[in-house]
C-alpha atoms as a PDB file:
ATOM      1  CA  MET A   1     -15.001  -0.014  13.415  1.00  0.00           C
ATOM      2  CA  LYS A   2     -16.671  -2.556  11.132  1.00  0.00           C
ATOM      3  CA  ALA A   3     -20.095  -1.509  12.423  1.00  0.00           C
ATOM      4  CA  ALA A   4     -19.242   2.150  11.779  1.00  0.00           C
ATOM      5  CA  VAL A   5     -18.239   1.383   8.187  1.00  0.00           C
ATOM      6  CA  GLU A   6     -21.463  -0.571   7.638  1.00  0.00           C
ATOM      7  CA  SER A   7     -23.443   2.335   9.088  1.00  0.00           C
ATOM      8  CA  ALA A   8     -21.657   4.762   6.743  1.00  0.00           C
ATOM      9  CA  GLN A   9     -22.420   2.503   3.786  1.00  0.00           C
ATOM     10  CA  THR A  10     -26.085   2.397   4.784  1.00  0.00           C
ATOM     11  CA  GLN A  11     -26.091   6.182   5.150  1.00  0.00           C
ATOM     12  CA  LEU A  12     -24.601   6.607   1.665  1.00  0.00           C
ATOM     13  CA  VAL A  13     -27.046   4.172   0.059  1.00  0.00           C
ATOM     14  CA  LYS A  14     -29.957   6.009   1.698  1.00  0.00           C
ATOM     15  CA  TYR A  15     -28.542   9.366   0.547  1.00  0.00           C
ATOM     16  CA  LEU A  16     -28.175   8.083  -3.034  1.00  0.00           C
ATOM     17  CA  ARG A  17     -31.664   6.537  -3.079  1.00  0.00           C
ATOM     18  CA  GLU A  18     -33.251   9.792  -1.838  1.00  0.00           C
ATOM     19  CA  ARG A  19     -31.663  11.609  -4.772  1.00  0.00           C
ATOM     20  CA  GLY A  20     -32.439   9.003  -7.405  1.00  0.00           C
ATOM     21  CA  LEU A  21     -28.779   8.051  -7.788  1.00  0.00           C
ATOM     22  CA  LYS A  22     -27.413   4.552  -8.225  1.00  0.00           C
ATOM     23  CA  ARG A  23     -25.421   2.579  -5.703  1.00  0.00           C
ATOM     24  CA  THR A  24     -22.357   1.570  -7.679  1.00  0.00           C
ATOM     25  CA  GLU A  25     -19.443  -0.600  -6.637  1.00  0.00           C
ATOM     26  CA  GLU A  26     -17.068   2.250  -7.529  1.00  0.00           C
ATOM     27  CA  ARG A  27     -18.840   4.655  -5.155  1.00  0.00           C
ATOM     28  CA  MET A  28     -18.818   2.083  -2.374  1.00  0.00           C
ATOM     29  CA  ALA A  29     -15.120   1.344  -2.973  1.00  0.00           C
ATOM     30  CA  VAL A  30     -14.283   5.068  -2.715  1.00  0.00           C
ATOM     31  CA  LEU A  31     -16.287   5.292   0.515  1.00  0.00           C
ATOM     32  CA  ARG A  32     -14.562   2.248   2.051  1.00  0.00           C
ATOM     33  CA  GLU A  33     -11.132   3.585   1.111  1.00  0.00           C
ATOM     34  CA  ALA A  34     -11.906   7.091   2.427  1.00  0.00           C
ATOM     35  CA  LEU A  35     -13.043   5.595   5.727  1.00  0.00           C
ATOM     36  CA  ALA A  36      -9.826   3.577   5.975  1.00  0.00           C
ATOM     37  CA  PHE A  37      -7.727   6.757   6.165  1.00  0.00           C
ATOM     38  CA  ASP A  38      -6.831   7.779   9.685  1.00  0.00           C
ATOM     39  CA  GLY A  39      -6.203  11.462   9.210  1.00  0.00           C
ATOM     40  CA  HIS A  40      -6.077  13.875   6.307  1.00  0.00           C
ATOM     41  CA  PHE A  41      -5.911  12.746   2.697  1.00  0.00           C
ATOM     42  CA  GLU A  42      -6.122  14.123  -0.828  1.00  0.00           C
ATOM     43  CA  ALA A  43      -8.218  12.795  -3.697  1.00  0.00           C
ATOM     44  CA  GLU A  44      -5.038  11.455  -5.284  1.00  0.00           C
ATOM     45  CA  ASP A  45      -4.335   9.428  -2.129  1.00  0.00           C
ATOM     46  CA  LEU A  46      -7.671   7.695  -2.656  1.00  0.00           C
ATOM     47  CA  GLN A  47      -6.796   6.859  -6.239  1.00  0.00           C
ATOM     48  CA  VAL A  48      -3.415   5.401  -5.233  1.00  0.00           C
ATOM     49  CA  ALA A  49      -4.957   3.341  -2.416  1.00  0.00           C
ATOM     50  CA  LEU A  50      -7.727   2.044  -4.669  1.00  0.00           C
ATOM     51  CA  ARG A  51      -5.232   0.987  -7.343  1.00  0.00           C
ATOM     52  CA  ARG A  52      -3.079  -0.751  -4.738  1.00  0.00           C
ATOM     53  CA  GLY A  53      -6.174  -2.692  -3.734  1.00  0.00           C
ATOM     54  CA  GLY A  54      -6.834  -3.723  -7.331  1.00  0.00           C
ATOM     55  CA  GLN A  55      -9.713  -1.286  -7.899  1.00  0.00           C
ATOM     56  CA  ARG A  56      -9.703   0.764 -11.086  1.00  0.00           C
ATOM     57  CA  VAL A  57     -11.741   3.898 -10.420  1.00  0.00           C
ATOM     58  CA  SER A  58     -11.387   6.934 -12.647  1.00  0.00           C
ATOM     59  CA  ARG A  59     -10.249  10.257 -11.257  1.00  0.00           C
ATOM     60  CA  ALA A  60     -13.573  11.821 -12.325  1.00  0.00           C
ATOM     61  CA  THR A  61     -15.518   9.172 -10.388  1.00  0.00           C
ATOM     62  CA  ILE A  62     -13.362   9.770  -7.311  1.00  0.00           C
ATOM     63  CA  TYR A  63     -13.999  13.530  -7.398  1.00  0.00           C
ATOM     64  CA  ARG A  64     -17.735  13.081  -8.016  1.00  0.00           C
ATOM     65  CA  THR A  65     -17.942  10.552  -5.187  1.00  0.00           C
ATOM     66  CA  ILE A  66     -16.023  12.836  -2.820  1.00  0.00           C
ATOM     67  CA  LYS A  67     -18.654  15.503  -3.522  1.00  0.00           C
ATOM     68  CA  LEU A  68     -21.410  13.011  -2.667  1.00  0.00           C
ATOM     69  CA  LEU A  69     -19.613  11.950   0.524  1.00  0.00           C
ATOM     70  CA  LEU A  70     -19.237  15.590   1.563  1.00  0.00           C
ATOM     71  CA  ASP A  71     -22.924  16.253   0.919  1.00  0.00           C
ATOM     72  CA  ALA A  72     -23.890  13.098   2.841  1.00  0.00           C
ATOM     73  CA  ASN A  73     -21.764  14.245   5.825  1.00  0.00           C
ATOM     74  CA  LEU A  74     -19.488  11.221   5.614  1.00  0.00           C
ATOM     75  CA  LEU A  75     -16.426  13.321   4.767  1.00  0.00           C
ATOM     76  CA  ARG A  76     -15.484  16.869   5.539  1.00  0.00           C
ATOM     77  CA  ARG A  77     -13.229  19.237   3.691  1.00  0.00           C
ATOM     78  CA  SER A  78     -10.448  19.408   6.224  1.00  0.00           C
ATOM     79  CA  PHE A  79      -8.268  22.252   4.998  1.00  0.00           C
ATOM     80  CA  SER A  80      -6.521  23.627   1.955  1.00  0.00           C
ATOM     81  CA  SER A  81      -2.759  23.636   1.917  1.00  0.00           C
ATOM     82  CA  VAL A  82      -0.698  26.695   1.174  1.00  0.00           C
ATOM     83  CA  GLY A  83      -0.506  25.380  -2.405  1.00  0.00           C
ATOM     84  CA  LYS A  84      -4.349  25.249  -2.467  1.00  0.00           C
ATOM     85  CA  GLN A  85      -4.522  21.452  -2.477  1.00  0.00           C
ATOM     86  CA  THR A  86      -7.696  20.315  -0.669  1.00  0.00           C
ATOM     87  CA  TYR A  87      -7.475  17.724   2.069  1.00  0.00           C
ATOM     88  CA  TYR A  88     -10.339  15.660   3.423  1.00  0.00           C
ATOM     89  CA  GLU A  89     -11.005  13.538   6.482  1.00  0.00           C
ATOM     90  CA  ASN A  90     -13.679  11.012   7.272  1.00  0.00           C
ATOM     91  CA  MET A  91     -16.294  11.782   9.888  1.00  0.00           C
ATOM     92  CA  LEU A  92     -16.223   8.387  11.660  1.00  0.00           C
ATOM     93  CA  GLY A  93     -15.627   9.033  15.337  1.00  0.00           C
ATOM     94  CA  SER A  94     -14.133  12.402  14.519  1.00  0.00           C
ATOM     95  CA  ARG A  95     -14.528  15.222  17.002  1.00  0.00           C
ATOM     96  CA  GLN A  96     -14.927  18.680  15.495  1.00  0.00           C
ATOM     97  CA  HIS A  97     -11.495  20.267  15.235  1.00  0.00           C
ATOM     98  CA  GLU A  98      -9.819  23.074  13.373  1.00  0.00           C
ATOM     99  CA  HIS A  99      -6.408  23.600  11.801  1.00  0.00           C
ATOM    100  CA  LEU A 100      -3.336  25.766  12.219  1.00  0.00           C
ATOM    101  CA  ILE A 101      -1.340  25.628   8.971  1.00  0.00           C
ATOM    102  CA  CYS A 102       2.278  26.740   8.678  1.00  0.00           C
ATOM    103  CA  VAL A 103       2.824  28.775   5.521  1.00  0.00           C
ATOM    104  CA  ARG A 104       6.540  27.932   5.481  1.00  0.00           C
ATOM    105  CA  CYS A 105       6.787  24.189   6.100  1.00  0.00           C
ATOM    106  CA  GLY A 106       3.161  23.082   5.622  1.00  0.00           C
ATOM    107  CA  ARG A 107       2.841  21.588   9.126  1.00  0.00           C
ATOM    108  CA  VAL A 108      -0.771  21.158  10.233  1.00  0.00           C
ATOM    109  CA  ILE A 109      -1.762  21.303  13.884  1.00  0.00           C
ATOM    110  CA  GLU A 110      -5.267  20.260  14.900  1.00  0.00           C
ATOM    111  CA  PHE A 111      -6.968  22.048  17.783  1.00  0.00           C
ATOM    112  CA  THR A 112     -10.365  22.310  19.422  1.00  0.00           C
ATOM    113  CA  SER A 113     -11.867  25.236  21.255  1.00  0.00           C
ATOM    114  CA  ASP A 114     -15.287  24.979  22.839  1.00  0.00           C
ATOM    115  CA  PHE A 115     -15.013  28.660  23.774  1.00  0.00           C
ATOM    116  CA  LEU A 116     -14.377  29.695  20.160  1.00  0.00           C
ATOM    117  CA  GLU A 117     -17.155  27.487  18.813  1.00  0.00           C
ATOM    118  CA  GLU A 118     -19.694  28.861  21.297  1.00  0.00           C
ATOM    119  CA  ALA A 119     -18.653  32.456  20.577  1.00  0.00           C
ATOM    120  CA  LEU A 120     -19.100  31.893  16.834  1.00  0.00           C
ATOM    121  CA  LYS A 121     -22.492  30.223  17.330  1.00  0.00           C
ATOM    122  CA  LYS A 122     -23.635  33.237  19.364  1.00  0.00           C
ATOM    123  CA  GLU A 123     -22.334  35.617  16.706  1.00  0.00           C
ATOM    124  CA  ALA A 124     -24.168  33.686  13.989  1.00  0.00           C
ATOM    125  CA  ALA A 125     -27.408  33.758  16.016  1.00  0.00           C
ATOM    126  CA  ALA A 126     -27.039  37.507  16.622  1.00  0.00           C
ATOM    127  CA  HIS A 127     -27.134  37.948  12.841  1.00  0.00           C
ATOM    128  CA  GLY A 128     -30.124  35.619  12.403  1.00  0.00           C
ATOM    129  CA  PHE A 129     -27.860  33.008  10.863  1.00  0.00           C
ATOM    130  CA  GLU A 130     -28.597  29.319  11.480  1.00  0.00           C
ATOM    131  CA  PHE A 131     -25.311  27.659  12.439  1.00  0.00           C
ATOM    132  CA  LYS A 132     -24.708  24.335  10.640  1.00  0.00           C
ATOM    133  CA  ARG A 133     -21.000  23.608  10.785  1.00  0.00           C
ATOM    134  CA  LEU A 134     -17.689  25.304  11.308  1.00  0.00           C
ATOM    135  CA  ARG A 135     -14.327  25.183   9.577  1.00  0.00           C
ATOM    136  CA  ILE A 136     -11.436  27.321  10.679  1.00  0.00           C
ATOM    137  CA  GLU A 137      -8.033  27.446   9.036  1.00  0.00           C
ATOM    138  CA  ILE A 138      -5.458  29.717  10.613  1.00  0.00           C
ATOM    139  CA  PHE A 139      -2.396  30.342   8.467  1.00  0.00           C
ATOM    140  CA  GLY A 140       0.844  31.466  10.069  1.00  0.00           C
ATOM    141  CA  GLU A 141       4.217  30.118  11.093  1.00  0.00           C
ATOM    142  CA  CYS A 142       4.732  27.198  13.438  1.00  0.00           C
ATOM    143  CA  SER A 143       7.101  27.606  16.377  1.00  0.00           C
ATOM    144  CA  THR A 144       9.952  25.876  14.507  1.00  0.00           C
ATOM    145  CA  CYS A 145       9.695  28.145  11.457  1.00  0.00           C
ATOM    146  CA  SER A 146       9.081  31.353  13.395  1.00  0.00           C
ATOM    147  CA  SER A 147      12.120  30.726  15.630  1.00  0.00           C
ATOM    148  CA  ALA A 148      14.229  29.881  12.549  1.00  0.00           C
ATOM    149  CA  SER A 149      13.338  33.235  10.989  1.00  0.00           C
ATOM    150  CA  LEU A 150      14.686  34.994  14.090  1.00  0.00           C
ATOM    151  CA  ASP A 151      18.146  33.502  13.574  1.00  0.00           C
END
């Protein structure tokens, strides 16, 4: 894992340099903290974790750095909750997956479908569209909530 974090740091520094942006300790701290999350997190989770670790990073810096990490392919926008809160996840060792989101309880179920991904790639190609990445969010009711509504 340490090697993966170092590789991500190198990737970010290269990304920043190519765009004439500075490598700052705050940006690197946000990256390290984002990579420490195992699963989905919100920007506010980063701020809390950074403060717990003794780092004072402004909310604006966190949001700007998240944007950089998304653009550098180190993070991905994971899904938006029913309340429209955006969740993120780091890309270290992460296999492409999608999300089923319960509109009643907020439960999130991750799934993968090679069949679905291939079908969507073919559809994109049929329209002359160059496929880059995929994000699917399916909103509905989980089995617990849908069975509760039958009672």
